Amino acid sequence: MAYENKNFEDNKGESRNESLYSKRIKAGKRRTYFFDVRATRGSDYFITITESKKRFDDNGYDRHKMFLYKEDFNKFLAGLVDTINYVKTDLMPDFDFDAFNHDQENEEGAVGVGTSEIRTEVVAEMPSVIAAAADDSSGVEEWKM
């Protein structure tokens, strides 16, 4: 589920540190990940990544949050893709990772082309996207809204 937060302005017209965009990923029965885009007072943007796990004793949730700043987007993405590819190709080449995509398709309400087919295309293109971003001398300034 992704959405834009239309209530980003408070009563005085000043921005609060609320999410401008959010993506929720359910992972199993007890774990959910949230990817949120937030703005600073200086109209700069950063991402928060939150893992929320339901406690065994049903007394709420444990949350862990990580902040990712624009100057680290390319390095973070490259490191994540490299790590995932290492697990998929070197450690578990025979494992069917696409077998777990059905939860996302049902949650997102995908119709027609399956989410797993789209993800496969995106992941296949990631090395070239990362290389292009690393070679791009303009940096992340073009990403600003």
Foldseek 3Di string as FASTA:
>chain_A
DKDADPPQADPVRAGDFDFRMKDWDDDPDFKIWIWGWTADSVRAIKIKIKIWGQDPVRPGIDIDIDIGHQQCVLVVLVVVLVVVVCCCVPVPVPDDPCVPQPVVCVVVVDDDDGPSVVVVVVSVCVVVVSVVQVPDPVHCPVVRD
